[in-house]
C-alpha atoms as a PDB file:
ATOM      1  CA  MET A   1    -125.672 -62.670 243.767  1.00  0.00           C
ATOM      2  CA  ARG A   2    -126.795 -65.309 245.738  1.00  0.00           C
ATOM      3  CA  GLN A   3    -125.192 -63.712 248.748  1.00  0.00           C
ATOM      4  CA  TYR A   4    -126.523 -60.367 247.563  1.00  0.00           C
ATOM      5  CA  GLN A   5    -129.930 -61.787 247.864  1.00  0.00           C
ATOM      6  CA  VAL A   6    -129.454 -62.984 251.464  1.00  0.00           C
ATOM      7  CA  ASP A   7    -127.972 -59.913 252.650  1.00  0.00           C
ATOM      8  CA  ASP A   8    -130.661 -58.023 251.436  1.00  0.00           C
ATOM      9  CA  LEU A   9    -133.704 -60.111 252.719  1.00  0.00           C
ATOM     10  CA  ASN A  10    -131.574 -59.983 256.101  1.00  0.00           C
ATOM     11  CA  SER A  11    -131.447 -56.463 255.947  1.00  0.00           C
ATOM     12  CA  GLN A  12    -135.291 -56.299 255.293  1.00  0.00           C
ATOM     13  CA  ARG A  13    -136.173 -58.933 258.209  1.00  0.00           C
ATOM     14  CA  GLU A  14    -134.017 -56.241 259.645  1.00  0.00           C
ATOM     15  CA  LYS A  15    -135.804 -53.381 258.814  1.00  0.00           C
ATOM     16  CA  GLY A  16    -139.687 -54.657 259.520  1.00  0.00           C
ATOM     17  CA  GLN A  17    -138.086 -55.819 262.986  1.00  0.00           C
ATOM     18  CA  ARG A  18    -137.071 -52.764 264.178  1.00  0.00           C
ATOM     19  CA  ALA A  19    -140.135 -51.563 262.834  1.00  0.00           C
ATOM     20  CA  GLU A  20    -142.216 -54.101 265.050  1.00  0.00           C
ATOM     21  CA  HIS A  21    -140.320 -52.582 267.853  1.00  0.00           C
ATOM     22  CA  VAL A  22    -141.207 -48.806 267.919  1.00  0.00           C
ATOM     23  CA  ALA A  23    -144.963 -49.912 266.845  1.00  0.00           C
ATOM     24  CA  ALA A  24    -144.888 -51.992 270.686  1.00  0.00           C
ATOM     25  CA  TRP A  25    -143.292 -49.234 272.109  1.00  0.00           C
ATOM     26  CA  TYR A  26    -145.453 -47.014 270.937  1.00  0.00           C
ATOM     27  CA  LEU A  27    -148.891 -49.270 272.126  1.00  0.00           C
ATOM     28  CA  ARG A  28    -146.829 -49.639 275.696  1.00  0.00           C
ATOM     29  CA  LEU A  29    -147.051 -45.727 276.021  1.00  0.00           C
ATOM     30  CA  ASN A  30    -150.717 -45.834 275.106  1.00  0.00           C
ATOM     31  CA  GLY A  31    -151.893 -48.366 277.566  1.00  0.00           C
ATOM     32  CA  PHE A  32    -151.332 -51.477 276.012  1.00  0.00           C
ATOM     33  CA  LEU A  33    -150.196 -54.776 276.495  1.00  0.00           C
ATOM     34  CA  SER A  34    -149.295 -56.257 273.965  1.00  0.00           C
ATOM     35  CA  ILE A  35    -147.856 -59.958 272.692  1.00  0.00           C
ATOM     36  CA  PRO A  36    -145.473 -59.569 269.534  1.00  0.00           C
ATOM     37  CA  ALA A  37    -145.294 -62.262 266.255  1.00  0.00           C
ATOM     38  CA  PHE A  38    -148.642 -63.484 267.323  1.00  0.00           C
ATOM     39  CA  VAL A  39    -148.813 -67.289 266.326  1.00  0.00           C
ATOM     40  CA  VAL A  40    -152.366 -68.483 264.682  1.00  0.00           C
ATOM     41  CA  HIS A  41    -151.806 -71.998 264.804  1.00  0.00           C
ATOM     42  CA  LEU A  42    -153.535 -75.064 262.407  1.00  0.00           C
ATOM     43  CA  ASP A  43    -157.145 -76.281 264.517  1.00  0.00           C
ATOM     44  CA  SER A  44    -156.874 -79.750 261.822  1.00  0.00           C
ATOM     45  CA  ILE A  45    -155.964 -82.838 262.659  1.00  0.00           C
ATOM     46  CA  ASN A  46    -155.174 -83.587 259.694  1.00  0.00           C
ATOM     47  CA  PRO A  47    -152.542 -80.915 258.615  1.00  0.00           C
ATOM     48  CA  ARG A  48    -151.624 -79.706 255.623  1.00  0.00           C
ATOM     49  CA  SER A  49    -147.971 -80.023 254.157  1.00  0.00           C
ATOM     50  CA  ASN A  50    -146.181 -77.754 252.587  1.00  0.00           C
ATOM     51  CA  ARG A  51    -143.369 -79.030 249.530  1.00  0.00           C
ATOM     52  CA  GLU A  52    -140.858 -80.086 250.861  1.00  0.00           C
ATOM     53  CA  GLY A  53    -143.591 -82.685 252.650  1.00  0.00           C
ATOM     54  CA  GLU A  54    -143.084 -81.041 256.194  1.00  0.00           C
ATOM     55  CA  PRO A  55    -146.522 -80.183 258.189  1.00  0.00           C
ATOM     56  CA  ILE A  56    -147.668 -76.862 258.316  1.00  0.00           C
ATOM     57  CA  ILE A  57    -148.023 -76.116 262.218  1.00  0.00           C
ATOM     58  CA  GLN A  58    -149.253 -72.718 261.679  1.00  0.00           C
ATOM     59  CA  ARG A  59    -151.209 -70.781 259.439  1.00  0.00           C
ATOM     60  CA  THR A  60    -150.336 -67.127 259.446  1.00  0.00           C
ATOM     61  CA  GLU A  61    -149.144 -64.949 261.789  1.00  0.00           C
ATOM     62  CA  ALA A  62    -150.434 -61.483 263.655  1.00  0.00           C
ATOM     63  CA  ASP A  63    -147.388 -58.921 264.105  1.00  0.00           C
ATOM     64  CA  LEU A  64    -149.094 -57.946 267.351  1.00  0.00           C
ATOM     65  CA  ILE A  65    -151.694 -58.089 269.110  1.00  0.00           C
ATOM     66  CA  ALA A  66    -152.688 -55.933 272.309  1.00  0.00           C
ATOM     67  CA  VAL A  67    -155.588 -54.794 274.657  1.00  0.00           C
ATOM     68  CA  ARG A  68    -156.153 -52.087 276.272  1.00  0.00           C
ATOM     69  CA  PHE A  69    -158.577 -51.427 279.891  1.00  0.00           C
ATOM     70  CA  PRO A  70    -160.870 -48.494 279.915  1.00  0.00           C
ATOM     71  CA  TYR A  71    -159.867 -47.321 283.030  1.00  0.00           C
ATOM     72  CA  SER A  72    -155.566 -47.252 282.020  1.00  0.00           C
ATOM     73  CA  ARG A  73    -153.881 -44.075 282.693  1.00  0.00           C
ATOM     74  CA  GLU A  74    -150.034 -43.477 283.780  1.00  0.00           C
ATOM     75  CA  THR A  75    -149.025 -40.601 286.523  1.00  0.00           C
ATOM     76  CA  ILE A  76    -145.710 -39.296 286.300  1.00  0.00           C
ATOM     77  CA  ALA A  77    -144.353 -36.906 288.903  1.00  0.00           C
ATOM     78  CA  ASN A  78    -147.984 -36.032 289.548  1.00  0.00           C
ATOM     79  CA  ARG A  79    -148.716 -35.714 285.603  1.00  0.00           C
ATOM     80  CA  HIS A  80    -151.406 -37.368 283.547  1.00  0.00           C
ATOM     81  CA  MET A  81    -149.680 -38.436 280.414  1.00  0.00           C
ATOM     82  CA  THR A  82    -151.900 -37.806 277.421  1.00  0.00           C
ATOM     83  CA  ASP A  83    -152.516 -41.373 275.437  1.00  0.00           C
ATOM     84  CA  ASP A  84    -152.935 -40.893 271.278  1.00  0.00           C
ATOM     85  CA  PRO A  85    -156.521 -40.180 270.672  1.00  0.00           C
ATOM     86  CA  ARG A  86    -156.163 -42.135 267.327  1.00  0.00           C
ATOM     87  CA  LEU A  87    -155.696 -45.069 269.373  1.00  0.00           C
ATOM     88  CA  VAL A  88    -158.344 -44.944 272.204  1.00  0.00           C
ATOM     89  CA  LYS A  89    -161.260 -42.422 270.287  1.00  0.00           C
ATOM     90  CA  ASN A  90    -163.978 -44.174 271.500  1.00  0.00           C
ATOM     91  CA  GLU A  91    -162.558 -43.156 274.965  1.00  0.00           C
ATOM     92  CA  SER A  92    -163.038 -39.437 274.246  1.00  0.00           C
ATOM     93  CA  GLU A  93    -166.464 -41.043 272.781  1.00  0.00           C
ATOM     94  CA  GLY A  94    -167.611 -42.121 276.560  1.00  0.00           C
ATOM     95  CA  LYS A  95    -166.869 -45.432 275.729  1.00  0.00           C
ATOM     96  CA  LYS A  96    -165.571 -47.061 278.695  1.00  0.00           C
ATOM     97  CA  LYS A  97    -164.820 -50.538 276.938  1.00  0.00           C
ATOM     98  CA  PRO A  98    -161.351 -52.960 276.680  1.00  0.00           C
ATOM     99  CA  LEU A  99    -159.674 -51.938 273.160  1.00  0.00           C
ATOM    100  CA  PHE A 100    -158.220 -54.822 271.660  1.00  0.00           C
ATOM    101  CA  ILE A 101    -155.835 -54.136 268.651  1.00  0.00           C
ATOM    102  CA  LEU A 102    -155.021 -56.510 265.909  1.00  0.00           C
ATOM    103  CA  ALA A 103    -152.047 -54.787 264.122  1.00  0.00           C
ATOM    104  CA  GLU A 104    -150.239 -55.105 261.085  1.00  0.00           C
ATOM    105  CA  VAL A 105    -146.617 -53.410 260.900  1.00  0.00           C
ATOM    106  CA  LYS A 106    -144.396 -52.295 257.520  1.00  0.00           C
ATOM    107  CA  ALA A 107    -141.669 -50.576 257.146  1.00  0.00           C
ATOM    108  CA  GLY A 108    -143.060 -49.061 254.095  1.00  0.00           C
ATOM    109  CA  LYS A 109    -146.996 -48.564 252.853  1.00  0.00           C
ATOM    110  CA  CYS A 110    -149.551 -49.877 255.445  1.00  0.00           C
ATOM    111  CA  SER A 111    -151.300 -52.731 254.325  1.00  0.00           C
ATOM    112  CA  MET A 112    -153.286 -55.864 255.505  1.00  0.00           C
ATOM    113  CA  ASN A 113    -151.846 -59.393 254.723  1.00  0.00           C
ATOM    114  CA  GLY A 114    -154.294 -61.832 252.643  1.00  0.00           C
ATOM    115  CA  PRO A 115    -154.340 -63.729 255.859  1.00  0.00           C
ATOM    116  CA  TRP A 116    -156.844 -61.313 257.392  1.00  0.00           C
ATOM    117  CA  THR A 117    -158.830 -60.255 254.512  1.00  0.00           C
ATOM    118  CA  ASN A 118    -159.868 -63.819 253.192  1.00  0.00           C
ATOM    119  CA  PRO A 119    -163.226 -64.584 255.350  1.00  0.00           C
ATOM    120  CA  ARG A 120    -162.716 -67.719 253.961  1.00  0.00           C
ATOM    121  CA  GLU A 121    -160.035 -69.358 255.610  1.00  0.00           C
ATOM    122  CA  LYS A 122    -161.459 -68.151 259.450  1.00  0.00           C
ATOM    123  CA  ASN A 123    -158.001 -66.681 260.746  1.00  0.00           C
ATOM    124  CA  MET A 124    -159.785 -63.638 262.183  1.00  0.00           C
ATOM    125  CA  GLN A 125    -162.077 -66.292 264.063  1.00  0.00           C
ATOM    126  CA  ARG A 126    -159.089 -68.335 265.420  1.00  0.00           C
ATOM    127  CA  VAL A 127    -157.349 -64.638 267.118  1.00  0.00           C
ATOM    128  CA  LEU A 128    -160.799 -63.529 268.691  1.00  0.00           C
ATOM    129  CA  HIS A 129    -161.301 -67.302 269.922  1.00  0.00           C
ATOM    130  CA  ARG A 130    -157.661 -66.842 271.607  1.00  0.00           C
ATOM    131  CA  MET A 131    -158.873 -63.258 273.077  1.00  0.00           C
ATOM    132  CA  GLY A 132    -160.615 -64.900 275.118  1.00  0.00           C
ATOM    133  CA  PHE A 133    -163.732 -61.991 275.825  1.00  0.00           C
ATOM    134  CA  THR A 134    -166.563 -64.096 274.712  1.00  0.00           C
ATOM    135  CA  ASP A 135    -167.111 -68.427 274.772  1.00  0.00           C
ATOM    136  CA  LYS A 136    -170.251 -67.426 272.029  1.00  0.00           C
ATOM    137  CA  ASP A 137    -168.955 -68.752 268.431  1.00  0.00           C
ATOM    138  CA  ASP A 138    -172.354 -66.842 266.994  1.00  0.00           C
ATOM    139  CA  ILE A 139    -170.637 -63.229 268.660  1.00  0.00           C
ATOM    140  CA  ILE A 140    -167.227 -64.193 267.376  1.00  0.00           C
ATOM    141  CA  ASP A 141    -168.557 -64.628 263.836  1.00  0.00           C
ATOM    142  CA  GLN A 142    -170.523 -61.418 264.172  1.00  0.00           C
ATOM    143  CA  ALA A 143    -167.152 -59.750 264.983  1.00  0.00           C
ATOM    144  CA  ALA A 144    -164.879 -61.273 262.510  1.00  0.00           C
ATOM    145  CA  THR A 145    -167.845 -60.837 259.974  1.00  0.00           C
ATOM    146  CA  SER A 146    -167.149 -57.005 260.985  1.00  0.00           C
ATOM    147  CA  LEU A 147    -163.707 -57.016 261.249  1.00  0.00           C
ATOM    148  CA  TYR A 148    -163.216 -58.403 257.358  1.00  0.00           C
ATOM    149  CA  ASN A 149    -165.984 -56.086 256.129  1.00  0.00           C
ATOM    150  CA  THR A 150    -164.781 -52.798 257.990  1.00  0.00           C
ATOM    151  CA  GLY A 151    -161.761 -53.401 260.124  1.00  0.00           C
ATOM    152  CA  ARG A 152    -163.138 -52.677 262.928  1.00  0.00           C
ATOM    153  CA  TRP A 153    -166.114 -54.236 265.521  1.00  0.00           C
ATOM    154  CA  GLU A 154    -167.652 -52.683 268.766  1.00  0.00           C
ATOM    155  CA  GLY A 155    -169.636 -55.081 270.566  1.00  0.00           C
ATOM    156  CA  ARG A 156    -172.338 -54.272 273.846  1.00  0.00           C
ATOM    157  CA  ASN A 157    -168.563 -54.601 276.293  1.00  0.00           C
ATOM    158  CA  ILE A 158    -165.407 -54.980 274.020  1.00  0.00           C
ATOM    159  CA  ILE A 159    -163.827 -53.492 270.781  1.00  0.00           C
ATOM    160  CA  VAL A 160    -161.749 -55.012 268.499  1.00  0.00           C
ATOM    161  CA  GLN A 161    -159.687 -52.580 265.747  1.00  0.00           C
ATOM    162  CA  TYR A 162    -157.778 -53.662 263.074  1.00  0.00           C
ATOM    163  CA  VAL A 163    -154.429 -50.966 263.081  1.00  0.00           C
ATOM    164  CA  CYS A 164    -151.904 -50.700 260.513  1.00  0.00           C
ATOM    165  CA  PHE A 165    -148.318 -49.009 261.213  1.00  0.00           C
ATOM    166  CA  GLY A 166    -146.378 -48.015 258.295  1.00  0.00           C
ATOM    167  CA  GLU A 167    -144.305 -45.308 256.571  1.00  0.00           C
ATOM    168  CA  TYR A 168    -147.465 -43.844 254.610  1.00  0.00           C
ATOM    169  CA  THR A 169    -151.208 -44.450 254.237  1.00  0.00           C
ATOM    170  CA  ASP A 170    -153.247 -46.721 251.693  1.00  0.00           C
ATOM    171  CA  PRO A 171    -156.045 -44.629 250.250  1.00  0.00           C
ATOM    172  CA  GLU A 172    -157.591 -47.946 248.702  1.00  0.00           C
ATOM    173  CA  LEU A 173    -157.365 -49.989 251.749  1.00  0.00           C
ATOM    174  CA  GLN A 174    -158.951 -47.285 253.327  1.00  0.00           C
ATOM    175  CA  ALA A 175    -161.999 -46.977 251.052  1.00  0.00           C
ATOM    176  CA  THR A 176    -162.387 -50.960 251.386  1.00  0.00           C
ATOM    177  CA  TYR A 177    -161.997 -50.952 254.849  1.00  0.00           C
ATOM    178  CA  GLU A 178    -163.146 -47.875 256.145  1.00  0.00           C
ATOM    179  CA  MET A 179    -163.081 -48.331 259.952  1.00  0.00           C
ATOM    180  CA  VAL A 180    -159.027 -49.515 259.597  1.00  0.00           C
ATOM    181  CA  CYS A 181    -156.922 -47.730 261.471  1.00  0.00           C
ATOM    182  CA  GLN A 182    -153.779 -45.953 259.849  1.00  0.00           C
ATOM    183  CA  ILE A 183    -151.299 -44.498 261.424  1.00  0.00           C
ATOM    184  CA  THR A 184    -147.160 -43.574 260.289  1.00  0.00           C
ATOM    185  CA  TRP A 185    -144.384 -43.777 261.423  1.00  0.00           C
ATOM    186  CA  GLU A 186    -144.170 -39.598 261.264  1.00  0.00           C
ATOM    187  CA  GLU A 187    -147.747 -39.575 263.732  1.00  0.00           C
ATOM    188  CA  ILE A 188    -145.567 -41.656 266.269  1.00  0.00           C
ATOM    189  CA  GLY A 189    -142.850 -39.450 266.032  1.00  0.00           C
ATOM    190  CA  LYS A 190    -144.978 -36.418 266.678  1.00  0.00           C
ATOM    191  CA  PHE A 191    -146.656 -38.434 269.532  1.00  0.00           C
ATOM    192  CA  LEU A 192    -143.096 -40.064 270.750  1.00  0.00           C
ATOM    193  CA  HIS A 193    -141.791 -36.267 271.148  1.00  0.00           C
ATOM    194  CA  SER A 194    -144.564 -34.874 272.915  1.00  0.00           C
ATOM    195  CA  ARG A 195    -144.746 -37.263 275.350  1.00  0.00           C
ATOM    196  CA  HIS A 196    -141.226 -36.606 276.025  1.00  0.00           C
ATOM    197  CA  LYS A 197    -142.344 -33.112 277.065  1.00  0.00           C
ATOM    198  CA  GLU A 198    -145.018 -33.931 279.073  1.00  0.00           C
ATOM    199  CA  SER A 199    -142.174 -36.474 280.829  1.00  0.00           C
ATOM    200  CA  PRO A 200    -138.652 -35.196 280.414  1.00  0.00           C
ATOM    201  CA  LEU A 201    -137.544 -36.952 283.133  1.00  0.00           C
ATOM    202  CA  LYS A 202    -134.520 -39.115 283.294  1.00  0.00           C
ATOM    203  CA  ASN A 203    -132.561 -41.077 285.378  1.00  0.00           C
ATOM    204  CA  PRO A 204    -128.360 -42.710 284.338  1.00  0.00           C
ATOM    205  CA  HIS A 205    -129.731 -45.745 282.708  1.00  0.00           C
ATOM    206  CA  ASN A 206    -132.072 -43.386 280.610  1.00  0.00           C
ATOM    207  CA  PRO A 207    -135.732 -44.604 280.712  1.00  0.00           C
ATOM    208  CA  HIS A 208    -136.573 -42.958 277.365  1.00  0.00           C
ATOM    209  CA  GLU A 209    -133.893 -44.623 275.083  1.00  0.00           C
ATOM    210  CA  HIS A 210    -136.400 -46.950 273.756  1.00  0.00           C
ATOM    211  CA  TRP A 211    -138.035 -43.742 271.857  1.00  0.00           C
ATOM    212  CA  SER A 212    -135.246 -42.833 270.089  1.00  0.00           C
ATOM    213  CA  SER A 213    -134.455 -46.307 268.020  1.00  0.00           C
ATOM    214  CA  GLY A 214    -134.969 -44.969 264.365  1.00  0.00           C
ATOM    215  CA  VAL A 215    -136.150 -41.399 265.296  1.00  0.00           C
ATOM    216  CA  ILE A 216    -134.476 -38.725 262.904  1.00  0.00           C
ATOM    217  CA  ALA A 217    -135.078 -35.173 264.064  1.00  0.00           C
ATOM    218  CA  ASP A 218    -135.599 -34.558 267.984  1.00  0.00           C
ATOM    219  CA  GLY A 219    -138.553 -32.125 267.282  1.00  0.00           C
ATOM    220  CA  PRO A 220    -142.191 -31.996 266.579  1.00  0.00           C
ATOM    221  CA  ASN A 221    -141.276 -33.643 262.740  1.00  0.00           C
ATOM    222  CA  SER A 222    -139.464 -36.414 264.256  1.00  0.00           C
ATOM    223  CA  ARG A 223    -139.910 -39.339 261.682  1.00  0.00           C
ATOM    224  CA  PHE A 224    -138.322 -42.913 262.011  1.00  0.00           C
ATOM    225  CA  ASP A 225    -135.591 -44.574 259.668  1.00  0.00           C
ATOM    226  CA  PHE A 226    -135.566 -48.148 259.756  1.00  0.00           C
ATOM    227  CA  GLN A 227    -131.983 -48.753 257.651  1.00  0.00           C
END
């Protein structure tokens, strides 16, 4: 029984890792520079301890944080690649601002982890400080408050967006955080299919090999299976 539980835990972990790899590659194709498994460290000189008495050295972890600069573009064989408007809708509205993303990746339903929904813990302020777009605490607090309340903050020169990746969206999550962006694996599959049609170039090493990680069906109805 215990071995079964261990195997199941390992299977779930590997499934989650595959989902994170696909999310990271999707962000890469949309011009984002990303950091996976971003750890938010403790900032106290008196760290808390776990049940075994060992010091807790981190508060929480973001699956991905990423940034896209406003003039990002990719040209292959004289063709400009089209980025996903779900992520860069601010540019279609004429807003040229660096876009930071704080992403949660789930193989199942889109969701936000508890550490990112509890303002008292101030984890949002910690990750915003590390993003480094301002040294003003009042702006950091404004951004954190907006992210806690809506899932998005737009300042004069910057945008920070919370994004949830998953198999299907959560209407309750959207109702609670109206500006959070939920993107499904089916939507990502369609985007990858469209991008592949834009840039079908291949070489012996197959640069598009990453795109097929977990993809089922090579067509506009492509989806993912992380089993």
